N, C-alpha and C. Protein backbone atom coordinates (compact mmCIF):
# COMPACT_ATOMS: atom_id res chain seq x y z
N MET A 1 0.83 -1.19 0.00
CA MET A 1 0.00 0.00 0.00
C MET A 1 0.87 1.25 0.00
N SER A 2 0.40 2.25 -0.67
CA SER A 2 1.12 3.51 -0.76
C SER A 2 0.88 4.37 0.48
N GLN A 3 1.86 5.19 0.78
CA GLN A 3 1.78 6.07 1.95
C GLN A 3 1.23 7.44 1.56
N ILE A 4 0.49 8.04 2.46
CA ILE A 4 -0.03 9.39 2.28
C ILE A 4 0.92 10.34 3.00
N ASN A 5 1.38 11.39 2.29
CA ASN A 5 2.32 12.32 2.92
C ASN A 5 1.58 13.27 3.88
N PRO A 6 2.31 13.97 4.75
CA PRO A 6 1.67 14.82 5.76
C PRO A 6 0.79 15.93 5.16
N GLN A 7 1.19 16.51 4.04
CA GLN A 7 0.40 17.58 3.43
C GLN A 7 -0.96 17.05 2.97
N LEU A 8 -0.96 15.90 2.30
CA LEU A 8 -2.20 15.31 1.84
C LEU A 8 -3.03 14.83 3.02
N GLN A 9 -2.39 14.26 4.03
CA GLN A 9 -3.14 13.79 5.21
C GLN A 9 -3.89 14.92 5.87
N LYS A 10 -3.28 16.10 5.96
CA LYS A 10 -3.96 17.26 6.56
C LYS A 10 -5.18 17.64 5.74
N ILE A 11 -5.06 17.63 4.42
CA ILE A 11 -6.19 17.95 3.54
C ILE A 11 -7.31 16.94 3.73
N LEU A 12 -6.96 15.66 3.81
CA LEU A 12 -7.95 14.61 4.02
C LEU A 12 -8.63 14.74 5.38
N ASP A 13 -7.85 15.01 6.41
CA ASP A 13 -8.40 15.17 7.75
C ASP A 13 -9.32 16.38 7.84
N ASP A 14 -8.93 17.49 7.22
CA ASP A 14 -9.78 18.68 7.19
C ASP A 14 -11.10 18.39 6.48
N PHE A 15 -11.02 17.67 5.36
CA PHE A 15 -12.22 17.29 4.62
C PHE A 15 -13.14 16.46 5.50
N ALA A 16 -12.59 15.48 6.19
CA ALA A 16 -13.41 14.63 7.06
C ALA A 16 -14.06 15.45 8.16
N GLN A 17 -13.30 16.32 8.79
CA GLN A 17 -13.81 17.11 9.90
C GLN A 17 -14.87 18.10 9.45
N ASN A 18 -14.67 18.74 8.31
CA ASN A 18 -15.56 19.82 7.87
C ASN A 18 -16.69 19.38 6.95
N SER A 19 -16.58 18.20 6.34
CA SER A 19 -17.56 17.84 5.31
C SER A 19 -18.29 16.52 5.53
N LEU A 20 -17.81 15.69 6.43
CA LEU A 20 -18.42 14.38 6.62
C LEU A 20 -19.09 14.30 7.99
N PRO A 21 -20.34 13.84 8.03
CA PRO A 21 -21.08 13.82 9.30
C PRO A 21 -20.37 13.08 10.44
N ASN A 22 -19.71 11.98 10.16
CA ASN A 22 -19.02 11.23 11.21
C ASN A 22 -17.50 11.38 11.13
N GLY A 23 -17.06 12.40 10.40
CA GLY A 23 -15.64 12.68 10.31
C GLY A 23 -14.82 11.49 9.86
N LYS A 24 -13.71 11.27 10.54
CA LYS A 24 -12.79 10.19 10.18
C LYS A 24 -13.36 8.80 10.47
N LYS A 25 -14.48 8.74 11.17
CA LYS A 25 -15.12 7.45 11.45
C LYS A 25 -16.12 7.06 10.37
N SER A 26 -16.34 7.94 9.40
CA SER A 26 -17.33 7.67 8.36
C SER A 26 -16.82 6.65 7.34
N ASP A 27 -17.76 5.92 6.75
CA ASP A 27 -17.40 4.99 5.68
C ASP A 27 -16.81 5.75 4.50
N ALA A 28 -17.34 6.94 4.22
CA ALA A 28 -16.84 7.73 3.09
C ALA A 28 -15.36 8.05 3.26
N TYR A 29 -14.95 8.42 4.46
CA TYR A 29 -13.54 8.72 4.72
C TYR A 29 -12.69 7.47 4.57
N ARG A 30 -13.13 6.38 5.16
CA ARG A 30 -12.36 5.13 5.06
C ARG A 30 -12.26 4.67 3.61
N ASN A 31 -13.34 4.81 2.86
CA ASN A 31 -13.31 4.42 1.45
C ASN A 31 -12.39 5.32 0.64
N LEU A 32 -12.38 6.60 0.94
CA LEU A 32 -11.47 7.53 0.25
C LEU A 32 -10.02 7.18 0.54
N ILE A 33 -9.69 6.95 1.78
CA ILE A 33 -8.32 6.57 2.15
C ILE A 33 -7.93 5.26 1.47
N ALA A 34 -8.85 4.30 1.47
CA ALA A 34 -8.56 3.01 0.85
C ALA A 34 -8.31 3.16 -0.64
N ALA A 35 -9.09 4.01 -1.32
CA ALA A 35 -8.88 4.21 -2.76
C ALA A 35 -7.53 4.86 -3.03
N ILE A 36 -7.17 5.83 -2.23
CA ILE A 36 -5.89 6.54 -2.43
C ILE A 36 -4.71 5.61 -2.17
N THR A 37 -4.78 4.84 -1.10
CA THR A 37 -3.63 3.99 -0.76
C THR A 37 -3.55 2.73 -1.63
N ALA A 38 -4.67 2.33 -2.22
CA ALA A 38 -4.67 1.15 -3.07
C ALA A 38 -4.09 1.41 -4.46
N SER A 39 -4.06 2.66 -4.85
CA SER A 39 -3.56 3.00 -6.19
C SER A 39 -2.26 3.80 -6.09
N PRO A 40 -1.14 3.19 -6.43
CA PRO A 40 0.13 3.93 -6.38
C PRO A 40 0.12 5.17 -7.28
N VAL A 41 -0.56 5.11 -8.41
CA VAL A 41 -0.61 6.26 -9.32
C VAL A 41 -1.42 7.40 -8.69
N LEU A 42 -2.62 7.08 -8.21
CA LEU A 42 -3.46 8.11 -7.57
C LEU A 42 -2.76 8.67 -6.35
N ASN A 43 -2.18 7.80 -5.54
CA ASN A 43 -1.48 8.24 -4.34
C ASN A 43 -0.33 9.18 -4.70
N GLY A 44 0.46 8.79 -5.68
CA GLY A 44 1.59 9.62 -6.07
C GLY A 44 1.16 10.98 -6.59
N ARG A 45 0.13 11.00 -7.39
CA ARG A 45 -0.34 12.28 -7.96
C ARG A 45 -0.93 13.18 -6.89
N LEU A 46 -1.73 12.62 -5.99
CA LEU A 46 -2.30 13.45 -4.93
C LEU A 46 -1.22 13.92 -3.96
N ASN A 47 -0.28 13.06 -3.61
CA ASN A 47 0.83 13.47 -2.75
C ASN A 47 1.61 14.62 -3.38
N THR A 48 1.91 14.49 -4.67
CA THR A 48 2.69 15.51 -5.36
C THR A 48 1.93 16.83 -5.45
N THR A 49 0.64 16.78 -5.80
CA THR A 49 -0.12 18.03 -5.92
C THR A 49 -0.26 18.72 -4.57
N ALA A 50 -0.43 17.95 -3.50
CA ALA A 50 -0.51 18.55 -2.17
C ALA A 50 0.84 19.14 -1.76
N GLU A 51 1.90 18.41 -2.02
CA GLU A 51 3.25 18.85 -1.67
C GLU A 51 3.64 20.13 -2.41
N LYS A 52 3.26 20.23 -3.69
CA LYS A 52 3.63 21.40 -4.49
C LYS A 52 2.64 22.56 -4.37
N GLY A 53 1.58 22.37 -3.59
CA GLY A 53 0.62 23.45 -3.37
C GLY A 53 -0.46 23.58 -4.42
N TYR A 54 -0.61 22.57 -5.29
CA TYR A 54 -1.67 22.60 -6.29
C TYR A 54 -2.99 22.08 -5.73
N LEU A 55 -2.95 21.50 -4.56
CA LEU A 55 -4.15 21.00 -3.89
C LEU A 55 -4.12 21.47 -2.45
N ASP A 56 -5.12 22.28 -2.09
CA ASP A 56 -5.22 22.80 -0.73
C ASP A 56 -6.42 22.27 0.02
N LYS A 57 -7.42 21.77 -0.74
CA LYS A 57 -8.68 21.43 -0.09
C LYS A 57 -9.46 20.40 -0.90
N LEU A 58 -10.19 19.57 -0.17
CA LEU A 58 -11.22 18.71 -0.76
C LEU A 58 -12.56 19.27 -0.31
N ALA A 59 -13.53 19.23 -1.19
CA ALA A 59 -14.86 19.74 -0.88
C ALA A 59 -15.91 18.78 -1.42
N VAL A 60 -17.14 18.97 -0.98
CA VAL A 60 -18.25 18.15 -1.45
C VAL A 60 -18.81 18.76 -2.72
N ASN A 61 -18.96 17.93 -3.75
CA ASN A 61 -19.59 18.33 -5.01
C ASN A 61 -21.02 17.82 -4.96
N LYS A 62 -21.98 18.71 -4.98
CA LYS A 62 -23.38 18.30 -4.85
C LYS A 62 -24.07 18.08 -6.19
N ASN A 63 -23.34 18.19 -7.28
CA ASN A 63 -23.88 17.92 -8.60
C ASN A 63 -24.05 16.41 -8.75
N PRO A 64 -25.29 15.92 -8.90
CA PRO A 64 -25.50 14.47 -8.97
C PRO A 64 -24.92 13.83 -10.23
N ASN A 65 -24.57 14.63 -11.21
CA ASN A 65 -24.04 14.11 -12.47
C ASN A 65 -22.51 14.14 -12.53
N ALA A 66 -21.89 14.59 -11.47
CA ALA A 66 -20.42 14.68 -11.46
C ALA A 66 -19.85 13.79 -10.37
N GLY A 67 -18.80 13.06 -10.70
CA GLY A 67 -18.13 12.25 -9.69
C GLY A 67 -17.17 13.10 -8.88
N ALA A 68 -16.33 13.84 -9.59
CA ALA A 68 -15.36 14.72 -8.95
C ALA A 68 -14.88 15.73 -9.98
N SER A 69 -14.37 16.85 -9.48
CA SER A 69 -13.83 17.87 -10.38
C SER A 69 -12.71 18.62 -9.67
N TYR A 70 -11.84 19.23 -10.46
CA TYR A 70 -10.73 20.00 -9.92
C TYR A 70 -10.89 21.46 -10.33
N ASN A 71 -10.74 22.36 -9.38
CA ASN A 71 -10.80 23.79 -9.63
C ASN A 71 -9.39 24.34 -9.41
N ALA A 72 -8.70 24.65 -10.51
CA ALA A 72 -7.30 25.09 -10.42
C ALA A 72 -7.17 26.45 -9.75
N SER A 73 -8.15 27.33 -9.92
CA SER A 73 -8.03 28.66 -9.31
C SER A 73 -8.20 28.60 -7.80
N LYS A 74 -8.86 27.55 -7.29
CA LYS A 74 -9.06 27.40 -5.85
C LYS A 74 -8.22 26.26 -5.26
N ASN A 75 -7.44 25.59 -6.12
CA ASN A 75 -6.62 24.44 -5.67
C ASN A 75 -7.47 23.44 -4.89
N ARG A 76 -8.62 23.09 -5.48
CA ARG A 76 -9.58 22.27 -4.75
C ARG A 76 -10.14 21.16 -5.64
N ILE A 77 -10.27 19.98 -5.04
CA ILE A 77 -10.99 18.88 -5.67
C ILE A 77 -12.33 18.76 -4.96
N SER A 78 -13.40 18.74 -5.76
CA SER A 78 -14.74 18.54 -5.22
C SER A 78 -15.17 17.12 -5.56
N ILE A 79 -15.66 16.40 -4.56
CA ILE A 79 -16.04 15.00 -4.71
C ILE A 79 -17.52 14.83 -4.38
N ASN A 80 -18.23 14.12 -5.24
CA ASN A 80 -19.61 13.76 -4.93
C ASN A 80 -19.56 12.61 -3.93
N LEU A 81 -20.16 12.80 -2.78
CA LEU A 81 -20.08 11.80 -1.72
C LEU A 81 -20.66 10.45 -2.11
N SER A 82 -21.54 10.44 -3.08
CA SER A 82 -22.09 9.15 -3.51
C SER A 82 -20.99 8.26 -4.08
N GLN A 83 -19.89 8.86 -4.54
CA GLN A 83 -18.76 8.09 -5.05
C GLN A 83 -18.01 7.37 -3.94
N LEU A 84 -18.23 7.78 -2.71
CA LEU A 84 -17.49 7.21 -1.58
C LEU A 84 -18.35 6.36 -0.66
N GLU A 85 -19.61 6.14 -1.03
CA GLU A 85 -20.54 5.45 -0.15
C GLU A 85 -20.37 3.95 -0.12
N THR A 86 -19.81 3.37 -1.14
CA THR A 86 -19.79 1.92 -1.24
C THR A 86 -18.41 1.39 -1.60
N ARG A 87 -18.20 0.16 -1.26
CA ARG A 87 -16.94 -0.48 -1.64
C ARG A 87 -16.96 -0.92 -3.09
N LEU A 88 -18.11 -0.76 -3.76
CA LEU A 88 -18.18 -1.09 -5.18
C LEU A 88 -17.12 -0.32 -5.95
N LEU A 89 -16.80 0.86 -5.47
CA LEU A 89 -15.73 1.67 -6.07
C LEU A 89 -14.46 0.85 -6.23
N PHE A 90 -14.11 0.08 -5.21
CA PHE A 90 -12.87 -0.69 -5.24
C PHE A 90 -13.01 -1.95 -6.09
N GLN A 91 -14.20 -2.51 -6.13
CA GLN A 91 -14.42 -3.69 -6.95
C GLN A 91 -14.30 -3.36 -8.42
N THR A 92 -14.69 -2.15 -8.82
CA THR A 92 -14.60 -1.77 -10.23
C THR A 92 -13.27 -1.13 -10.56
N THR A 93 -12.67 -0.44 -9.60
CA THR A 93 -11.41 0.25 -9.85
C THR A 93 -10.21 -0.67 -9.72
N PHE A 94 -10.27 -1.58 -8.75
CA PHE A 94 -9.14 -2.45 -8.47
C PHE A 94 -9.57 -3.92 -8.50
N PRO A 95 -10.02 -4.42 -9.66
CA PRO A 95 -10.54 -5.78 -9.72
C PRO A 95 -9.50 -6.86 -9.47
N ASP A 96 -8.21 -6.53 -9.54
CA ASP A 96 -7.18 -7.53 -9.34
C ASP A 96 -7.01 -7.89 -7.87
N LYS A 97 -7.56 -7.10 -6.96
CA LYS A 97 -7.47 -7.42 -5.54
C LYS A 97 -8.65 -8.27 -5.14
N ARG A 98 -8.39 -9.30 -4.38
CA ARG A 98 -9.47 -10.13 -3.86
C ARG A 98 -10.21 -9.35 -2.78
N SER A 99 -11.50 -9.63 -2.63
CA SER A 99 -12.31 -8.91 -1.64
C SER A 99 -11.72 -9.05 -0.24
N SER A 100 -11.15 -10.18 0.11
CA SER A 100 -10.56 -10.36 1.44
C SER A 100 -9.39 -9.41 1.66
N GLU A 101 -8.62 -9.15 0.59
CA GLU A 101 -7.51 -8.21 0.71
C GLU A 101 -8.01 -6.79 0.88
N ARG A 102 -9.09 -6.42 0.17
CA ARG A 102 -9.67 -5.09 0.32
C ARG A 102 -10.19 -4.89 1.74
N LEU A 103 -10.90 -5.88 2.25
CA LEU A 103 -11.42 -5.77 3.60
C LEU A 103 -10.32 -5.66 4.63
N ALA A 104 -9.26 -6.43 4.45
CA ALA A 104 -8.13 -6.38 5.38
C ALA A 104 -7.48 -5.01 5.35
N SER A 105 -7.43 -4.38 4.18
CA SER A 105 -6.77 -3.08 4.06
C SER A 105 -7.57 -1.99 4.74
N LEU A 106 -8.88 -2.19 4.94
CA LEU A 106 -9.71 -1.20 5.59
C LEU A 106 -9.72 -1.35 7.11
N SER A 107 -9.21 -2.45 7.60
CA SER A 107 -9.24 -2.70 9.05
C SER A 107 -8.15 -1.95 9.77
């Protein structure tokens, strides 16, 4: 699993605290962390953008037709929370991992 750097971790923690009803205890937060750490490419890109100051914040995108979007002028990624509600995200994104491995990674 890939590591999240301190800059990105702060952005993720702020998102959980300010945007998710149960904060870091929410399924949405755990699913987001699992998606980031399961993908070395996604992890590397998010770590780099946070480190270089191109990403300052995650926000909730309430557009039901959008999964996520990036606003370069605000250095912000907006995520539709419905994208983080289920583990189906990992079954379709990372089909090479067995379900038992995915579950273990969330524990």
